[in-house]
PDB file of N, CA and C in Angstrom:
ATOM      1  N   MET A   1      82.084 108.559 -72.469  1.00  0.00           N
ATOM      2  CA  MET A   1      81.366 107.708 -73.565  1.00  0.00           C
ATOM      3  C   MET A   1      79.993 107.758 -73.224  1.00  0.00           C
ATOM      4  N   LYS A   2      79.261 107.806 -74.145  1.00  0.00           N
ATOM      5  CA  LYS A   2      77.836 107.751 -74.118  1.00  0.00           C
ATOM      6  C   LYS A   2      77.151 106.312 -73.846  1.00  0.00           C
ATOM      7  N   THR A   3      76.344 106.302 -73.108  1.00  0.00           N
ATOM      8  CA  THR A   3      75.414 105.087 -72.595  1.00  0.00           C
ATOM      9  C   THR A   3      74.999 104.254 -73.790  1.00  0.00           C
ATOM     10  N   ALA A   4      74.761 104.652 -74.921  1.00  0.00           N
ATOM     11  CA  ALA A   4      74.363 103.779 -76.005  1.00  0.00           C
ATOM     12  C   ALA A   4      75.562 103.119 -76.572  1.00  0.00           C
ATOM     13  N   THR A   5      76.700 103.673 -76.612  1.00  0.00           N
ATOM     14  CA  THR A   5      77.814 103.453 -77.001  1.00  0.00           C
ATOM     15  C   THR A   5      78.472 102.286 -76.167  1.00  0.00           C
ATOM     16  N   ARG A   6      78.356 102.581 -74.874  1.00  0.00           N
ATOM     17  CA  ARG A   6      78.905 101.471 -74.032  1.00  0.00           C
ATOM     18  C   ARG A   6      78.060 100.309 -74.045  1.00  0.00           C
ATOM     19  N   SER A   7      76.737 100.433 -74.223  1.00  0.00           N
ATOM     20  CA  SER A   7      75.699  99.228 -74.186  1.00  0.00           C
ATOM     21  C   SER A   7      76.178  98.404 -75.443  1.00  0.00           C
ATOM     22  N   ALA A   8      76.349  99.128 -76.712  1.00  0.00           N
ATOM     23  CA  ALA A   8      76.723  98.390 -77.983  1.00  0.00           C
ATOM     24  C   ALA A   8      78.254  97.538 -77.698  1.00  0.00           C
ATOM     25  N   LEU A   9      78.975  98.337 -76.934  1.00  0.00           N
ATOM     26  CA  LEU A   9      80.365  97.706 -76.645  1.00  0.00           C
ATOM     27  C   LEU A   9      80.257  96.528 -75.984  1.00  0.00           C
ATOM     28  N   THR A  10      79.366  96.637 -74.749  1.00  0.00           N
ATOM     29  CA  THR A  10      79.077  95.408 -73.874  1.00  0.00           C
ATOM     30  C   THR A  10      78.532  94.520 -74.715  1.00  0.00           C
ATOM     31  N   LEU A  11      77.750  94.519 -75.328  1.00  0.00           N
ATOM     32  CA  LEU A  11      77.066  93.553 -76.436  1.00  0.00           C
ATOM     33  C   LEU A  11      78.271  93.023 -77.034  1.00  0.00           C
ATOM     34  N   SER A  12      78.930  93.787 -77.879  1.00  0.00           N
ATOM     35  CA  SER A  12      80.115  93.240 -78.656  1.00  0.00           C
ATOM     36  C   SER A  12      81.117  92.227 -77.856  1.00  0.00           C
ATOM     37  N   ALA A  13      81.541  92.701 -76.711  1.00  0.00           N
ATOM     38  CA  ALA A  13      82.399  91.791 -75.847  1.00  0.00           C
ATOM     39  C   ALA A  13      81.757  90.773 -75.428  1.00  0.00           C
ATOM     40  N   CYS A  14      80.417  90.435 -75.131  1.00  0.00           N
ATOM     41  CA  CYS A  14      80.022  89.524 -74.857  1.00  0.00           C
ATOM     42  C   CYS A  14      79.679  88.264 -76.065  1.00  0.00           C
ATOM     43  N   LEU A  15      79.199  88.917 -77.131  1.00  0.00           N
ATOM     44  CA  LEU A  15      79.052  88.050 -78.091  1.00  0.00           C
ATOM     45  C   LEU A  15      80.130  87.523 -78.931  1.00  0.00           C
ATOM     46  N   LEU A  16      81.267  88.380 -78.870  1.00  0.00           N
ATOM     47  CA  LEU A  16      82.429  87.798 -79.400  1.00  0.00           C
ATOM     48  C   LEU A  16      83.126  86.641 -78.637  1.00  0.00           C
ATOM     49  N   ILE A  17      82.998  86.876 -77.183  1.00  0.00           N
ATOM     50  CA  ILE A  17      83.516  85.642 -76.350  1.00  0.00           C
ATOM     51  C   ILE A  17      82.817  84.462 -76.624  1.00  0.00           C
ATOM     52  N   GLY A  18      81.374  84.559 -76.740  1.00  0.00           N
ATOM     53  CA  GLY A  18      80.429  83.545 -76.948  1.00  0.00           C
ATOM     54  C   GLY A  18      80.643  82.992 -78.423  1.00  0.00           C
ATOM     55  N   LEU A  19      80.800  83.553 -79.584  1.00  0.00           N
ATOM     56  CA  LEU A  19      81.037  83.197 -80.687  1.00  0.00           C
ATOM     57  C   LEU A  19      82.414  82.657 -81.022  1.00  0.00           C
ATOM     58  N   SER A  20      83.247  82.628 -80.145  1.00  0.00           N
ATOM     59  CA  SER A  20      84.611  81.963 -80.392  1.00  0.00           C
ATOM     60  C   SER A  20      84.495  80.484 -80.425  1.00  0.00           C
ATOM     61  N   ALA A  21      83.566  79.940 -79.565  1.00  0.00           N
ATOM     62  CA  ALA A  21      83.618  78.500 -79.076  1.00  0.00           C
ATOM     63  C   ALA A  21      83.424  77.646 -80.338  1.00  0.00           C
ATOM     64  N   PRO A  22      82.313  77.984 -81.149  1.00  0.00           N
ATOM     65  CA  PRO A  22      81.912  76.976 -82.075  1.00  0.00           C
ATOM     66  C   PRO A  22      83.100  77.316 -83.347  1.00  0.00           C
ATOM     67  N   ALA A  23      83.818  78.289 -83.496  1.00  0.00           N
ATOM     68  CA  ALA A  23      84.778  78.445 -84.471  1.00  0.00           C
ATOM     69  C   ALA A  23      85.874  77.452 -84.170  1.00  0.00           C
ATOM     70  N   LEU A  24      86.220  77.221 -82.984  1.00  0.00           N
ATOM     71  CA  LEU A  24      87.047  76.437 -82.519  1.00  0.00           C
ATOM     72  C   LEU A  24      86.689  74.893 -82.278  1.00  0.00           C
ATOM     73  N   GLY A  25      85.538  74.499 -82.678  1.00  0.00           N
ATOM     74  CA  GLY A  25      85.203  73.140 -82.625  1.00  0.00           C
ATOM     75  C   GLY A  25      84.600  72.690 -81.468  1.00  0.00           C
ATOM     76  N   ALA A  26      83.678  73.654 -80.807  1.00  0.00           N
ATOM     77  CA  ALA A  26      82.774  73.137 -79.643  1.00  0.00           C
ATOM     78  C   ALA A  26      81.945  72.005 -80.398  1.00  0.00           C
ATOM     79  N   PRO A  27      81.329  71.202 -79.315  1.00  0.00           N
ATOM     80  CA  PRO A  27      80.511  69.820 -79.849  1.00  0.00           C
ATOM     81  C   PRO A  27      79.572  70.005 -80.702  1.00  0.00           C
ATOM     82  N   HIS A  28      78.713  71.182 -80.464  1.00  0.00           N
ATOM     83  CA  HIS A  28      77.593  71.447 -81.359  1.00  0.00           C
ATOM     84  C   HIS A  28      77.248  72.930 -81.237  1.00  0.00           C
ATOM     85  N   ASP A  29      76.866  73.631 -82.340  1.00  0.00           N
ATOM     86  CA  ASP A  29      76.776  75.072 -82.555  1.00  0.00           C
ATOM     87  C   ASP A  29      75.564  75.497 -81.545  1.00  0.00           C
ATOM     88  N   SER A  30      74.589  74.603 -81.271  1.00  0.00           N
ATOM     89  CA  SER A  30      73.573  74.906 -80.558  1.00  0.00           C
ATOM     90  C   SER A  30      73.861  75.186 -78.975  1.00  0.00           C
ATOM     91  N   GLU A  31      75.025  74.594 -78.703  1.00  0.00           N
ATOM     92  CA  GLU A  31      75.439  74.590 -77.356  1.00  0.00           C
ATOM     93  C   GLU A  31      76.551  75.650 -77.055  1.00  0.00           C
ATOM     94  N   VAL A  32      76.511  76.860 -77.782  1.00  0.00           N
ATOM     95  CA  VAL A  32      77.496  77.959 -77.497  1.00  0.00           C
ATOM     96  C   VAL A  32      77.292  78.450 -76.122  1.00  0.00           C
ATOM     97  N   ALA A  33      78.302  78.476 -75.514  1.00  0.00           N
ATOM     98  CA  ALA A  33      78.334  79.125 -74.048  1.00  0.00           C
ATOM     99  C   ALA A  33      78.689  80.827 -74.528  1.00  0.00           C
ATOM    100  N   THR A  34      78.167  81.489 -73.533  1.00  0.00           N
ATOM    101  CA  THR A  34      78.358  82.854 -73.698  1.00  0.00           C
ATOM    102  C   THR A  34      78.257  83.654 -72.188  1.00  0.00           C
ATOM    103  N   LYS A  35      79.030  84.521 -72.147  1.00  0.00           N
ATOM    104  CA  LYS A  35      79.314  85.214 -70.762  1.00  0.00           C
ATOM    105  C   LYS A  35      79.204  86.692 -71.192  1.00  0.00           C
ATOM    106  N   THR A  36      78.264  87.351 -70.355  1.00  0.00           N
ATOM    107  CA  THR A  36      78.252  88.882 -70.593  1.00  0.00           C
ATOM    108  C   THR A  36      79.316  89.507 -69.834  1.00  0.00           C
ATOM    109  N   VAL A  37      79.909  90.439 -70.389  1.00  0.00           N
ATOM    110  CA  VAL A  37      81.041  91.296 -69.622  1.00  0.00           C
ATOM    111  C   VAL A  37      80.671  92.636 -69.493  1.00  0.00           C
ATOM    112  N   ARG A  38      80.340  93.105 -68.472  1.00  0.00           N
ATOM    113  CA  ARG A  38      79.715  94.423 -68.330  1.00  0.00           C
ATOM    114  C   ARG A  38      80.817  95.353 -67.909  1.00  0.00           C
ATOM    115  N   PHE A  39      80.814  96.603 -68.438  1.00  0.00           N
ATOM    116  CA  PHE A  39      81.896  97.526 -68.108  1.00  0.00           C
ATOM    117  C   PHE A  39      81.450  99.018 -68.167  1.00  0.00           C
ATOM    118  N   ASN A  40      80.118  99.264 -68.025  1.00  0.00           N
ATOM    119  CA  ASN A  40      79.501 100.471 -67.957  1.00  0.00           C
ATOM    120  C   ASN A  40      79.800 101.298 -66.623  1.00  0.00           C
ATOM    121  N   ASP A  41      80.579 100.437 -65.786  1.00  0.00           N
ATOM    122  CA  ASP A  41      81.127 100.989 -64.449  1.00  0.00           C
ATOM    123  C   ASP A  41      82.414 101.627 -64.581  1.00  0.00           C
ATOM    124  N   LEU A  42      82.993 101.332 -65.606  1.00  0.00           N
ATOM    125  CA  LEU A  42      84.582 101.689 -65.982  1.00  0.00           C
ATOM    126  C   LEU A  42      84.877 102.604 -66.783  1.00  0.00           C
ATOM    127  N   ASP A  43      85.924 103.316 -66.489  1.00  0.00           N
ATOM    128  CA  ASP A  43      86.313 104.614 -67.331  1.00  0.00           C
ATOM    129  C   ASP A  43      87.589 103.749 -68.084  1.00  0.00           C
ATOM    130  N   LEU A  44      87.395 103.453 -69.250  1.00  0.00           N
ATOM    131  CA  LEU A  44      88.239 102.974 -70.313  1.00  0.00           C
ATOM    132  C   LEU A  44      89.488 103.752 -70.474  1.00  0.00           C
ATOM    133  N   SER A  45      89.358 105.209 -70.243  1.00  0.00           N
ATOM    134  CA  SER A  45      90.525 105.937 -70.545  1.00  0.00           C
ATOM    135  C   SER A  45      91.563 105.997 -69.614  1.00  0.00           C
ATOM    136  N   THR A  46      91.470 105.201 -68.352  1.00  0.00           N
ATOM    137  CA  THR A  46      92.333 105.187 -67.300  1.00  0.00           C
ATOM    138  C   THR A  46      93.048 103.815 -67.508  1.00  0.00           C
ATOM    139  N   ALA A  47      93.994 103.529 -67.085  1.00  0.00           N
ATOM    140  CA  ALA A  47      94.758 102.257 -67.063  1.00  0.00           C
ATOM    141  C   ALA A  47      94.151 101.214 -66.089  1.00  0.00           C
ATOM    142  N   ASP A  48      93.713 101.842 -64.979  1.00  0.00           N
ATOM    143  CA  ASP A  48      92.990 101.039 -63.907  1.00  0.00           C
ATOM    144  C   ASP A  48      91.679 100.472 -64.439  1.00  0.00           C
ATOM    145  N   GLY A  49      90.914 101.191 -65.140  1.00  0.00           N
ATOM    146  CA  GLY A  49      89.661 100.817 -65.746  1.00  0.00           C
ATOM    147  C   GLY A  49      89.922  99.955 -66.768  1.00  0.00           C
ATOM    148  N   ALA A  50      90.772 100.132 -67.917  1.00  0.00           N
ATOM    149  CA  ALA A  50      91.114  99.195 -68.932  1.00  0.00           C
ATOM    150  C   ALA A  50      91.629  98.046 -68.334  1.00  0.00           C
ATOM    151  N   GLN A  51      92.563  97.845 -67.447  1.00  0.00           N
ATOM    152  CA  GLN A  51      93.091  96.701 -66.751  1.00  0.00           C
ATOM    153  C   GLN A  51      91.836  95.695 -66.016  1.00  0.00           C
ATOM    154  N   THR A  52      90.951  96.502 -65.475  1.00  0.00           N
ATOM    155  CA  THR A  52      89.890  95.819 -64.786  1.00  0.00           C
ATOM    156  C   THR A  52      88.978  95.107 -65.805  1.00  0.00           C
ATOM    157  N   LEU A  53      88.789  95.713 -66.914  1.00  0.00           N
ATOM    158  CA  LEU A  53      87.986  95.232 -67.957  1.00  0.00           C
ATOM    159  C   LEU A  53      88.664  94.019 -68.740  1.00  0.00           C
ATOM    160  N   TYR A  54      90.049  94.139 -68.891  1.00  0.00           N
ATOM    161  CA  TYR A  54      90.732  92.890 -69.335  1.00  0.00           C
ATOM    162  C   TYR A  54      90.727  91.917 -68.529  1.00  0.00           C
ATOM    163  N   ASN A  55      90.744  92.056 -67.267  1.00  0.00           N
ATOM    164  CA  ASN A  55      90.877  90.789 -65.970  1.00  0.00           C
ATOM    165  C   ASN A  55      89.245  90.447 -66.443  1.00  0.00           C
ATOM    166  N   ARG A  56      88.180  91.092 -66.488  1.00  0.00           N
ATOM    167  CA  ARG A  56      86.898  90.665 -66.431  1.00  0.00           C
ATOM    168  C   ARG A  56      86.812  89.709 -68.059  1.00  0.00           C
ATOM    169  N   ILE A  57      87.419  90.324 -68.864  1.00  0.00           N
ATOM    170  CA  ILE A  57      87.287  89.563 -70.307  1.00  0.00           C
ATOM    171  C   ILE A  57      88.180  88.284 -70.198  1.00  0.00           C
ATOM    172  N   ALA A  58      89.065  88.287 -69.538  1.00  0.00           N
ATOM    173  CA  ALA A  58      89.927  87.022 -69.368  1.00  0.00           C
ATOM    174  C   ALA A  58      89.311  85.917 -68.592  1.00  0.00           C
ATOM    175  N   ALA A  59      88.515  86.451 -67.436  1.00  0.00           N
ATOM    176  CA  ALA A  59      87.893  85.599 -66.416  1.00  0.00           C
ATOM    177  C   ALA A  59      86.721  85.124 -67.295  1.00  0.00           C
ATOM    178  N   ALA A  60      86.196  85.739 -68.006  1.00  0.00           N
ATOM    179  CA  ALA A  60      84.778  85.254 -68.873  1.00  0.00           C
ATOM    180  C   ALA A  60      85.462  84.140 -69.845  1.00  0.00           C
ATOM    181  N   ALA A  61      86.734  84.586 -70.500  1.00  0.00           N
ATOM    182  CA  ALA A  61      87.157  83.709 -71.513  1.00  0.00           C
ATOM    183  C   ALA A  61      87.459  82.171 -70.803  1.00  0.00           C
ATOM    184  N   ARG A  62      88.107  82.319 -69.590  1.00  0.00           N
ATOM    185  CA  ARG A  62      88.426  81.053 -68.956  1.00  0.00           C
ATOM    186  C   ARG A  62      87.122  80.212 -68.462  1.00  0.00           C
ATOM    187  N   GLU A  63      86.215  80.948 -68.334  1.00  0.00           N
ATOM    188  CA  GLU A  63      84.883  80.279 -67.767  1.00  0.00           C
ATOM    189  C   GLU A  63      84.189  79.763 -69.171  1.00  0.00           C
ATOM    190  N   VAL A  64      84.080  80.261 -70.156  1.00  0.00           N
ATOM    191  CA  VAL A  64      83.415  79.803 -71.323  1.00  0.00           C
ATOM    192  C   VAL A  64      84.334  78.935 -72.249  1.00  0.00           C
ATOM    193  N   CYS A  65      85.557  78.982 -72.303  1.00  0.00           N
ATOM    194  CA  CYS A  65      86.470  78.048 -72.930  1.00  0.00           C
ATOM    195  C   CYS A  65      87.127  77.176 -72.139  1.00  0.00           C
ATOM    196  N   ARG A  66      86.229  76.241 -71.716  1.00  0.00           N
ATOM    197  CA  ARG A  66      86.621  74.897 -71.101  1.00  0.00           C
ATOM    198  C   ARG A  66      86.509  73.729 -72.029  1.00  0.00           C
ATOM    199  N   GLY A  67      87.523  73.106 -72.225  1.00  0.00           N
ATOM    200  CA  GLY A  67      87.422  71.997 -73.215  1.00  0.00           C
ATOM    201  C   GLY A  67      87.901  70.728 -72.756  1.00  0.00           C
ATOM    202  N   GLU A  68      87.952  69.758 -73.439  1.00  0.00           N
ATOM    203  CA  GLU A  68      88.390  68.435 -72.820  1.00  0.00           C
ATOM    204  C   GLU A  68      89.946  68.529 -72.983  1.00  0.00           C
ATOM    205  N   THR A  69      90.605  69.424 -73.819  1.00  0.00           N
ATOM    206  CA  THR A  69      91.912  69.092 -73.812  1.00  0.00           C
ATOM    207  C   THR A  69      92.481  70.635 -73.557  1.00  0.00           C
ATOM    208  N   TYR A  70      93.630  70.674 -73.060  1.00  0.00           N
ATOM    209  CA  TYR A  70      94.319  72.055 -72.495  1.00  0.00           C
ATOM    210  C   TYR A  70      94.680  72.758 -74.229  1.00  0.00           C
ATOM    211  N   GLN A  71      94.906  72.095 -75.038  1.00  0.00           N
ATOM    212  CA  GLN A  71      95.141  72.934 -76.510  1.00  0.00           C
ATOM    213  C   GLN A  71      93.683  73.667 -76.779  1.00  0.00           C
ATOM    214  N   PHE A  72      92.737  73.000 -76.779  1.00  0.00           N
ATOM    215  CA  PHE A  72      91.293  73.585 -77.121  1.00  0.00           C
ATOM    216  C   PHE A  72      91.056  74.884 -76.312  1.00  0.00           C
ATOM    217  N   ALA A  73      91.240  74.584 -74.894  1.00  0.00           N
ATOM    218  CA  ALA A  73      90.992  75.487 -73.997  1.00  0.00           C
ATOM    219  C   ALA A  73      91.849  76.745 -74.272  1.00  0.00           C
ATOM    220  N   ARG A  74      93.004  76.591 -74.556  1.00  0.00           N
ATOM    221  CA  ARG A  74      94.120  77.592 -74.726  1.00  0.00           C
ATOM    222  C   ARG A  74      93.936  78.395 -75.971  1.00  0.00           C
ATOM    223  N   LYS A  75      93.511  77.826 -77.066  1.00  0.00           N
ATOM    224  CA  LYS A  75      93.171  78.409 -78.311  1.00  0.00           C
ATOM    225  C   LYS A  75      91.804  79.217 -78.275  1.00  0.00           C
ATOM    226  N   CYS A  76      91.010  78.701 -77.550  1.00  0.00           N
ATOM    227  CA  CYS A  76      89.555  79.289 -77.612  1.00  0.00           C
ATOM    228  C   CYS A  76      89.705  80.578 -76.654  1.00  0.00           C
ATOM    229  N   ARG A  77      90.639  80.461 -75.397  1.00  0.00           N
ATOM    230  CA  ARG A  77      90.873  81.694 -74.618  1.00  0.00           C
ATOM    231  C   ARG A  77      91.421  82.665 -75.332  1.00  0.00           C
ATOM    232  N   MET A  78      92.589  82.319 -75.994  1.00  0.00           N
ATOM    233  CA  MET A  78      93.457  83.216 -76.932  1.00  0.00           C
ATOM    234  C   MET A  78      92.525  84.101 -77.958  1.00  0.00           C
ATOM    235  N   ARG A  79      91.576  83.225 -78.755  1.00  0.00           N
ATOM    236  CA  ARG A  79      90.859  83.997 -79.750  1.00  0.00           C
ATOM    237  C   ARG A  79      89.837  84.614 -79.166  1.00  0.00           C
ATOM    238  N   ALA A  80      89.160  84.123 -77.883  1.00  0.00           N
ATOM    239  CA  ALA A  80      88.144  84.969 -77.498  1.00  0.00           C
ATOM    240  C   ALA A  80      88.739  86.417 -76.695  1.00  0.00           C
ATOM    241  N   LEU A  81      89.918  86.341 -76.110  1.00  0.00           N
ATOM    242  CA  LEU A  81      90.514  87.611 -75.606  1.00  0.00           C
ATOM    243  C   LEU A  81      90.795  88.561 -76.928  1.00  0.00           C
ATOM    244  N   GLU A  82      91.268  87.894 -77.923  1.00  0.00           N
ATOM    245  CA  GLU A  82      91.738  88.918 -79.162  1.00  0.00           C
ATOM    246  C   GLU A  82      90.333  89.389 -79.670  1.00  0.00           C
ATOM    247  N   GLU A  83      89.349  88.758 -79.869  1.00  0.00           N
ATOM    248  CA  GLU A  83      88.022  89.410 -80.462  1.00  0.00           C
ATOM    249  C   GLU A  83      87.427  90.077 -79.608  1.00  0.00           C
ATOM    250  N   ALA A  84      87.455  89.940 -78.420  1.00  0.00           N
ATOM    251  CA  ALA A  84      86.709  90.898 -77.302  1.00  0.00           C
ATOM    252  C   ALA A  84      87.427  91.994 -77.315  1.00  0.00           C
ATOM    253  N   VAL A  85      88.833  92.159 -77.030  1.00  0.00           N
ATOM    254  CA  VAL A  85      89.501  93.316 -76.853  1.00  0.00           C
ATOM    255  C   VAL A  85      89.300  94.108 -78.285  1.00  0.00           C
ATOM    256  N   SER A  86      89.641  93.417 -79.215  1.00  0.00           N
ATOM    257  CA  SER A  86      89.502  94.206 -80.315  1.00  0.00           C
ATOM    258  C   SER A  86      87.879  94.776 -80.820  1.00  0.00           C
ATOM    259  N   GLY A  87      86.799  94.131 -80.353  1.00  0.00           N
ATOM    260  CA  GLY A  87      85.595  94.566 -80.503  1.00  0.00           C
ATOM    261  C   GLY A  87      85.278  95.761 -79.663  1.00  0.00           C
ATOM    262  N   VAL A  88      86.039  95.677 -78.317  1.00  0.00           N
ATOM    263  CA  VAL A  88      85.633  97.108 -77.580  1.00  0.00           C
ATOM    264  C   VAL A  88      86.381  98.379 -78.198  1.00  0.00           C
ATOM    265  N   GLY A  89      87.606  98.231 -78.988  1.00  0.00           N
ATOM    266  CA  GLY A  89      87.936  99.424 -79.685  1.00  0.00           C
ATOM    267  C   GLY A  89      88.786 100.487 -78.775  1.00  0.00           C
ATOM    268  N   SER A  90      89.138  99.973 -77.632  1.00  0.00           N
ATOM    269  CA  SER A  90      89.841 100.750 -76.592  1.00  0.00           C
ATOM    270  C   SER A  90      91.467 100.717 -76.966  1.00  0.00           C
ATOM    271  N   SER A  91      92.253 101.681 -77.329  1.00  0.00           N
ATOM    272  CA  SER A  91      93.596 101.319 -77.455  1.00  0.00           C
ATOM    273  C   SER A  91      94.320 101.175 -76.200  1.00  0.00           C
ATOM    274  N   LEU A  92      94.010 101.627 -75.160  1.00  0.00           N
ATOM    275  CA  LEU A  92      94.554 101.325 -73.977  1.00  0.00           C
ATOM    276  C   LEU A  92      94.275  99.766 -73.511  1.00  0.00           C
ATOM    277  N   LEU A  93      93.281  99.252 -73.777  1.00  0.00           N
ATOM    278  CA  LEU A  93      92.710  97.946 -73.601  1.00  0.00           C
ATOM    279  C   LEU A  93      93.758  97.058 -74.511  1.00  0.00           C
ATOM    280  N   SER A  94      93.713  97.378 -75.795  1.00  0.00           N
ATOM    281  CA  SER A  94      94.463  96.774 -76.626  1.00  0.00           C
ATOM    282  C   SER A  94      96.131  96.658 -76.342  1.00  0.00           C
ATOM    283  N   SER A  95      96.555  97.668 -75.505  1.00  0.00           N
ATOM    284  CA  SER A  95      97.998  97.877 -75.282  1.00  0.00           C
ATOM    285  C   SER A  95      98.241  96.840 -74.201  1.00  0.00           C
ATOM    286  N   ILE A  96      97.265  96.793 -73.137  1.00  0.00           N
ATOM    287  CA  ILE A  96      97.340  95.787 -72.106  1.00  0.00           C
ATOM    288  C   ILE A  96      97.163  94.598 -72.578  1.00  0.00           C
ATOM    289  N   HIS A  97      96.570  94.075 -73.536  1.00  0.00           N
ATOM    290  CA  HIS A  97      96.398  92.755 -74.115  1.00  0.00           C
ATOM    291  C   HIS A  97      97.788  92.359 -74.764  1.00  0.00           C
ATOM    292  N   ARG A  98      98.418  93.323 -75.480  1.00  0.00           N
ATOM    293  CA  ARG A  98      99.639  93.063 -76.298  1.00  0.00           C
ATOM    294  C   ARG A  98     100.619  93.048 -75.217  1.00  0.00           C
ATOM    295  N   SER A  99     100.709  93.714 -74.123  1.00  0.00           N
ATOM    296  CA  SER A  99     101.716  93.432 -73.269  1.00  0.00           C
ATOM    297  C   SER A  99     101.483  92.153 -72.279  1.00  0.00           C
ATOM    298  N   THR A 100     100.402  91.897 -72.285  1.00  0.00           N
ATOM    299  CA  THR A 100     100.065  90.382 -71.484  1.00  0.00           C
ATOM    300  C   THR A 100     100.598  89.337 -72.540  1.00  0.00           C
ATOM    301  N   ILE A 101     100.318  89.484 -73.694  1.00  0.00           N
ATOM    302  CA  ILE A 101     100.698  88.283 -74.707  1.00  0.00           C
ATOM    303  C   ILE A 101     102.186  88.254 -74.646  1.00  0.00           C
ATOM    304  N   GLU A 102     102.866  89.569 -74.604  1.00  0.00           N
ATOM    305  CA  GLU A 102     104.273  89.753 -74.959  1.00  0.00           C
ATOM    306  C   GLU A 102     104.912  89.028 -73.514  1.00  0.00           C
ATOM    307  N   ARG A 103     104.226  89.173 -72.580  1.00  0.00           N
ATOM    308  CA  ARG A 103     104.965  88.443 -71.162  1.00  0.00           C
ATOM    309  C   ARG A 103     104.840  87.047 -71.230  1.00  0.00           C
ATOM    310  N   VAL A 104     103.651  86.557 -71.706  1.00  0.00           N
ATOM    311  CA  VAL A 104     103.518  85.186 -71.836  1.00  0.00           C
ATOM    312  C   VAL A 104     104.535  84.568 -72.657  1.00  0.00           C
ATOM    313  N   GLU A 105     104.541  85.113 -73.871  1.00  0.00           N
ATOM    314  CA  GLU A 105     105.554  84.648 -74.871  1.00  0.00           C
ATOM    315  C   GLU A 105     107.142  84.539 -74.304  1.00  0.00           C
ATOM    316  N   GLU A 106     107.506  85.579 -73.434  1.00  0.00           N
ATOM    317  CA  GLU A 106     108.640  85.751 -72.896  1.00  0.00           C
ATOM    318  C   GLU A 106     109.028  84.510 -71.915  1.00  0.00           C
ATOM    319  N   VAL A 107     107.808  84.258 -70.977  1.00  0.00           N
ATOM    320  CA  VAL A 107     108.068  83.167 -70.146  1.00  0.00           C
ATOM    321  C   VAL A 107     108.118  81.831 -71.091  1.00  0.00           C
ATOM    322  N   VAL A 108     107.297  81.723 -71.979  1.00  0.00           N
ATOM    323  CA  VAL A 108     107.307  80.462 -72.859  1.00  0.00           C
ATOM    324  C   VAL A 108     108.894  80.204 -73.358  1.00  0.00           C
ATOM    325  N   ARG A 109     109.451  81.239 -73.780  1.00  0.00           N
ATOM    326  CA  ARG A 109     110.787  81.046 -74.388  1.00  0.00           C
ATOM    327  C   ARG A 109     111.954  80.710 -73.446  1.00  0.00           C
ATOM    328  N   ARG A 110     111.634  80.976 -72.218  1.00  0.00           N
ATOM    329  CA  ARG A 110     112.580  80.642 -71.169  1.00  0.00           C
ATOM    330  C   ARG A 110     112.863  79.265 -70.989  1.00  0.00           C
TER     331      ARG A 110
END
């Protein structure tokens, strides 16, 4: 992937995570937390590279989506993950995200 494209994707991932907070009821729009998720060192065409990026996005979402209630934090993390993964546009990353969601749903059903 070209450097310019990776830079744009990096920007997309970090902005989407940061923009999810106000949509979910953060106290003030001016206090939007953001976290830059860098991945120009990763090869997203490999499972290891995509999994590493997913882990980074999830960690950033946990850090940014701290709220007073568990429900707020959970919704914020879910939305941040969904938007960041979608913004990157990697089918392998999307597949990892879907399988993670399916595993969580299976555990919840038990």
